[in-house]
Amino acid sequence: MKTGAVLYLFLLLLFADAAMAQDYLEQIKRYDLSKVIDPDSISDDSREMIAYVDPYGYIGDNFQRFQIHFTSFKKSKDDPLVYDVKGKTRVKGNICGFTGTFKITAAEHDDSLQEFMYPDYKGISLLSDVIIHEDKSRAGSGVIKGTLVTDAIFDGKAKPEYNALMLMSDSYRNNQFTGTWTSYKTGRSKKCNWGDYRIPESGDLDWGAGEFMINEKFKGNGWESYYDAYCCDPELARSIAAKKEEAQEWWK
């Protein structure tokens, strides 16, 4: 095949993919995806409903623990691709309220479900631009900006759902956020990432095989209760106490 013909075919496929992606983006405007990005509960491979766990996160090069909880996640009345959010963050015991937006900028077909024998479902990968403004009156507050990748499933009959079909697999992850936190006071920025069940770009913080597990050398960076809750014999007194601490609703 001549070079010109190859280039033409490449451009044709490129434009076709772009048109398909735009079509997906138009389709999802019809749905409220707030419970895809921030669900109350999720359905695993057995289709049994289980409680949703807040994402794991870190801030800075030393993997200081970063926690985030959304108290409100609502589709905007002005833009069908924008979601208005409220919630709280916690770092080193410092809790900040916040407001922000998630804007879905891309939606693409994900054919991995067919590879894993889920022919009844269509996989959709969503990309969102995220901006979160922490309360300026709080010490150590700032702005968080970045992108979120969300995996959803759709059976063609109802609205898209959070994709937890491979929840029991070793590498399962969802709602992967990569971004930065920038201080109001100093203007300095730090890496700030979070995700469901795994954290993107977490280096040797996470050395778990079948599940998220903290490397002991980072235990002192805000991960003490998480490490003690899951590293050892669950019958140990410190493990029991740590699990109670992890279950506390610190945002209330």
Protein backbone atom coordinates (compact mmCIF):
# COMPACT_ATOMS: atom_id res chain seq x y z
CA MET A 1 0.00 0.00 0.00
CA LYS A 2 1.32 3.42 -0.95
CA THR A 3 2.22 5.99 1.70
CA GLY A 4 -0.68 8.28 0.72
CA ALA A 5 -3.18 5.45 1.03
CA VAL A 6 -1.81 4.44 4.43
CA LEU A 7 -2.07 8.02 5.67
CA TYR A 8 -5.62 8.30 4.36
CA LEU A 9 -6.63 5.06 6.13
CA PHE A 10 -5.01 6.26 9.36
CA LEU A 11 -6.85 9.57 9.24
CA LEU A 12 -10.11 7.82 8.41
CA LEU A 13 -9.79 5.58 11.47
CA LEU A 14 -8.74 8.54 13.60
CA PHE A 15 -11.78 10.57 12.61
CA ALA A 16 -14.04 7.54 13.12
CA ASP A 17 -12.70 7.04 16.65
CA ALA A 18 -13.15 10.74 17.39
CA ALA A 19 -16.73 10.65 16.13
CA MET A 20 -17.49 7.57 18.24
CA ALA A 21 -15.99 9.20 21.33
CA GLN A 22 -18.09 12.32 20.74
CA ASP A 23 -21.17 10.12 20.34
CA TYR A 24 -20.52 8.48 23.72
CA LEU A 25 -20.09 11.91 25.29
CA GLU A 26 -23.45 12.99 23.87
CA GLN A 27 -25.13 9.82 25.11
CA ILE A 28 -23.98 10.14 28.70
CA LYS A 29 -25.45 13.64 28.94
CA ARG A 30 -28.80 11.87 29.38
CA TYR A 31 -27.74 10.11 32.56
CA ASP A 32 -26.99 11.16 36.12
CA LEU A 33 -23.56 9.66 36.78
CA SER A 34 -23.16 10.94 40.32
CA LYS A 35 -23.52 7.41 41.73
CA VAL A 36 -20.98 6.10 39.23
CA ILE A 37 -18.27 8.44 40.46
CA ASP A 38 -19.40 8.56 44.10
CA PRO A 39 -21.63 5.54 44.81
CA ASP A 40 -23.25 4.62 48.12
CA SER A 41 -22.80 0.92 47.38
CA ILE A 42 -21.38 -1.18 44.55
CA SER A 43 -22.18 -4.54 42.99
CA ASP A 44 -19.36 -7.08 42.59
CA ASP A 45 -19.04 -10.12 40.28
CA SER A 46 -21.74 -12.01 42.17
CA ARG A 47 -24.03 -8.92 41.75
CA GLU A 48 -24.21 -8.71 45.54
CA MET A 49 -24.37 -5.17 46.87
CA ILE A 50 -21.53 -4.14 49.18
CA ALA A 51 -20.73 -0.86 50.90
CA TYR A 52 -18.57 1.61 49.00
CA VAL A 53 -15.29 2.52 50.70
CA ASP A 54 -13.86 6.05 50.40
CA PRO A 55 -10.79 6.24 48.13
CA TYR A 56 -7.24 5.88 49.39
CA GLY A 57 -5.00 8.85 48.73
CA TYR A 58 -1.69 10.57 49.37
CA ILE A 59 -0.21 14.04 49.13
CA GLY A 60 3.44 14.97 48.59
CA ASP A 61 6.54 12.97 47.71
CA ASN A 62 6.59 11.27 51.11
CA PHE A 63 3.14 9.71 50.49
CA GLN A 64 1.49 11.48 53.42
CA ARG A 65 -2.00 10.06 53.81
CA PHE A 66 -4.75 12.14 52.19
CA GLN A 67 -8.41 11.40 52.82
CA ILE A 68 -11.40 12.77 50.94
CA HIS A 69 -15.11 12.32 51.47
CA PHE A 70 -17.94 13.77 49.37
CA THR A 71 -20.99 14.90 51.32
CA SER A 72 -22.78 16.04 48.16
CA PHE A 73 -22.30 15.01 44.52
CA LYS A 74 -24.96 16.42 42.19
CA LYS A 75 -25.40 16.88 38.47
CA SER A 76 -25.36 20.54 37.50
CA LYS A 77 -28.59 22.08 36.26
CA ASP A 78 -26.62 24.28 33.85
CA ASP A 79 -24.34 21.73 32.15
CA PRO A 80 -25.17 17.99 31.78
CA LEU A 81 -21.47 17.09 31.86
CA VAL A 82 -20.69 18.96 35.09
CA TYR A 83 -21.17 17.72 38.65
CA ASP A 84 -21.12 20.05 41.65
CA VAL A 85 -19.50 18.58 44.74
CA LYS A 86 -19.05 19.33 48.43
CA GLY A 87 -17.12 17.47 51.06
CA LYS A 88 -14.13 17.38 53.35
CA THR A 89 -10.46 16.45 53.18
CA ARG A 90 -8.17 15.37 56.00
CA VAL A 91 -4.36 15.47 56.23
CA LYS A 92 -2.47 15.02 59.52
CA GLY A 93 -5.71 15.53 61.43
CA ASN A 94 -6.40 18.84 59.66
CA ILE A 95 -9.93 18.77 58.22
CA CYS A 96 -11.00 21.20 55.49
CA GLY A 97 -14.41 21.63 53.93
CA PHE A 98 -14.50 22.09 50.15
CA THR A 99 -16.62 22.82 47.12
CA GLY A 100 -15.77 21.97 43.53
CA THR A 101 -16.72 20.59 40.13
CA PHE A 102 -16.16 17.45 38.09
CA LYS A 103 -16.52 18.02 34.34
CA ILE A 104 -16.68 14.94 32.10
CA THR A 105 -14.56 15.71 29.05
CA ALA A 106 -14.34 12.32 27.32
CA ALA A 107 -16.18 9.01 27.17
CA GLU A 108 -14.76 5.99 25.36
CA HIS A 109 -15.77 2.39 24.77
CA ASP A 110 -13.85 -0.16 26.83
CA ASP A 111 -13.90 -3.64 25.27
CA SER A 112 -12.05 -5.37 28.13
CA LEU A 113 -15.33 -6.73 29.53
CA GLN A 114 -15.76 -8.98 26.50
CA GLU A 115 -12.23 -10.28 27.07
CA PHE A 116 -13.19 -11.24 30.63
CA MET A 117 -16.43 -12.96 29.63
CA TYR A 118 -18.98 -10.26 30.41
CA PRO A 119 -20.72 -10.13 27.02
CA ASP A 120 -23.90 -8.57 28.39
CA TYR A 121 -22.14 -5.39 29.43
CA LYS A 122 -20.65 -2.49 27.55
CA GLY A 123 -17.67 -0.91 29.26
CA ILE A 124 -17.33 2.87 29.30
CA SER A 125 -14.28 4.80 30.43
CA LEU A 126 -14.92 8.39 31.54
CA LEU A 127 -12.38 11.19 31.86
CA SER A 128 -13.17 14.17 34.10
CA ASP A 129 -11.44 17.45 34.85
CA VAL A 130 -11.55 18.05 38.59
CA ILE A 131 -11.16 21.28 40.56
CA ILE A 132 -11.69 21.46 44.31
CA HIS A 133 -11.47 24.60 46.45
CA GLU A 134 -10.80 23.95 50.12
CA ASP A 135 -12.08 26.45 52.68
CA LYS A 136 -9.65 29.39 52.63
CA SER A 137 -10.27 30.12 56.29
CA ARG A 138 -8.70 26.81 57.29
CA ALA A 139 -4.97 26.49 57.94
CA GLY A 140 -3.15 24.35 55.39
CA SER A 141 -5.84 24.73 52.76
CA GLY A 142 -5.50 25.03 48.99
CA VAL A 143 -6.81 24.09 45.55
CA ILE A 144 -6.79 20.60 44.08
CA LYS A 145 -6.73 20.19 40.29
CA GLY A 146 -6.34 17.13 38.13
CA THR A 147 -8.05 14.42 36.12
CA LEU A 148 -10.16 11.43 37.13
CA VAL A 149 -10.57 8.19 35.16
CA THR A 150 -13.76 6.28 35.96
CA ASP A 151 -14.79 2.85 34.67
CA ALA A 152 -18.52 2.30 34.23
CA ILE A 153 -20.69 -0.49 32.83
CA PHE A 154 -23.85 -0.28 30.78
CA ASP A 155 -26.17 -3.12 29.73
CA GLY A 156 -28.16 -1.03 27.26
CA LYS A 157 -31.36 -1.24 29.30
CA ALA A 158 -30.71 1.01 32.27
CA LYS A 159 -28.35 3.75 33.31
CA PRO A 160 -24.56 3.23 33.55
CA GLU A 161 -23.27 1.76 36.81
CA TYR A 162 -19.99 1.76 38.70
CA ASN A 163 -17.84 -1.04 37.27
CA ALA A 164 -16.97 -3.46 40.09
CA LEU A 165 -17.20 -6.66 38.05
CA MET A 166 -13.52 -7.51 38.61
CA LEU A 167 -13.47 -6.31 42.22
CA MET A 168 -11.88 -9.52 43.50
CA SER A 169 -8.98 -9.42 41.04
CA ASP A 170 -5.53 -8.47 42.35
CA SER A 171 -5.15 -5.43 40.11
CA TYR A 172 -8.67 -4.00 40.49
CA ARG A 173 -8.92 -0.20 40.65
CA ASN A 174 -11.38 2.53 39.74
CA ASN A 175 -11.86 6.30 40.02
CA GLN A 176 -8.16 6.99 39.58
CA PHE A 177 -7.32 10.64 40.25
CA THR A 178 -3.96 12.23 39.45
CA GLY A 179 -3.36 15.87 40.22
CA THR A 180 -1.84 18.50 42.45
CA TRP A 181 -2.70 20.40 45.60
CA THR A 182 -1.59 24.05 45.63
CA SER A 183 -1.40 26.07 48.85
CA TYR A 184 -3.38 29.31 49.03
CA LYS A 185 -0.76 30.76 51.34
CA THR A 186 2.52 29.86 49.62
CA GLY A 187 1.50 28.97 46.06
CA ARG A 188 3.56 25.81 46.31
CA SER A 189 2.20 22.61 44.78
CA LYS A 190 2.36 18.98 45.83
CA LYS A 191 1.34 15.83 44.03
CA CYS A 192 -2.07 14.68 45.22
CA ASN A 193 -3.49 11.36 44.00
CA TRP A 194 -6.30 9.09 45.10
CA GLY A 195 -8.28 6.12 43.87
CA ASP A 196 -10.69 3.32 44.71
CA TYR A 197 -8.83 0.26 46.05
CA ARG A 198 -5.50 1.40 44.59
CA ILE A 199 -3.75 4.78 44.18
CA PRO A 200 -2.20 5.78 40.83
CA GLU A 201 1.54 6.46 40.80
CA SER A 202 1.94 5.21 44.35
CA GLY A 203 5.47 3.87 43.92
CA ASP A 204 6.54 1.65 46.81
CA LEU A 205 3.87 3.02 49.17
CA ASP A 206 1.62 0.12 48.14
CA TRP A 207 3.32 -3.24 48.28
CA GLY A 208 0.18 -5.33 48.44
CA ALA A 209 -0.37 -8.17 45.99
CA GLY A 210 -4.07 -9.06 46.25
CA GLU A 211 -5.10 -5.79 47.93
CA PHE A 212 -3.89 -2.33 48.89
CA MET A 213 -1.28 -2.69 51.63
CA ILE A 214 1.00 -0.06 53.14
CA ASN A 215 4.76 -0.43 53.11
CA GLU A 216 5.78 -0.26 56.77
CA LYS A 217 8.36 2.46 56.13
CA PHE A 218 5.51 4.89 55.33
CA LYS A 219 3.40 3.91 58.36
CA GLY A 220 4.34 7.10 60.21
CA ASN A 221 3.00 9.34 57.42
CA GLY A 222 -0.60 9.13 58.55
CA TRP A 223 -1.10 5.45 57.78
CA GLU A 224 -0.73 4.09 61.34
CA SER A 225 -4.34 2.98 61.88
CA TYR A 226 -4.67 1.56 58.37
CA TYR A 227 -1.43 -0.40 58.72
CA ASP A 228 -2.33 -1.76 62.16
CA ALA A 229 -5.85 -2.66 61.02
CA TYR A 230 -4.77 -4.85 58.09
CA CYS A 231 -1.13 -5.84 58.43
CA CYS A 232 -1.41 -8.40 61.20
CA ASP A 233 -3.54 -10.93 63.04
CA PRO A 234 -7.08 -9.49 63.02
CA GLU A 235 -7.59 -10.82 66.57
CA LEU A 236 -4.83 -8.64 68.02
CA ALA A 237 -6.06 -5.86 70.30
CA ARG A 238 -4.25 -3.20 68.26
CA SER A 239 -5.82 -4.50 65.03
CA ILE A 240 -9.31 -4.39 66.54
CA ALA A 241 -8.75 -0.86 67.86
CA ALA A 242 -7.29 0.29 64.54
CA LYS A 243 -10.28 -1.03 62.59
CA LYS A 244 -12.61 0.93 64.85
CA GLU A 245 -10.55 4.05 64.17
CA GLU A 246 -10.64 3.43 60.41
CA ALA A 247 -14.43 3.10 60.56
CA GLN A 248 -14.93 6.48 62.21
CA GLU A 249 -16.86 9.04 60.15
CA TRP A 250 -14.29 11.79 60.60
CA TRP A 251 -16.11 14.19 58.24
CA LYS A 252 -19.11 14.56 60.56
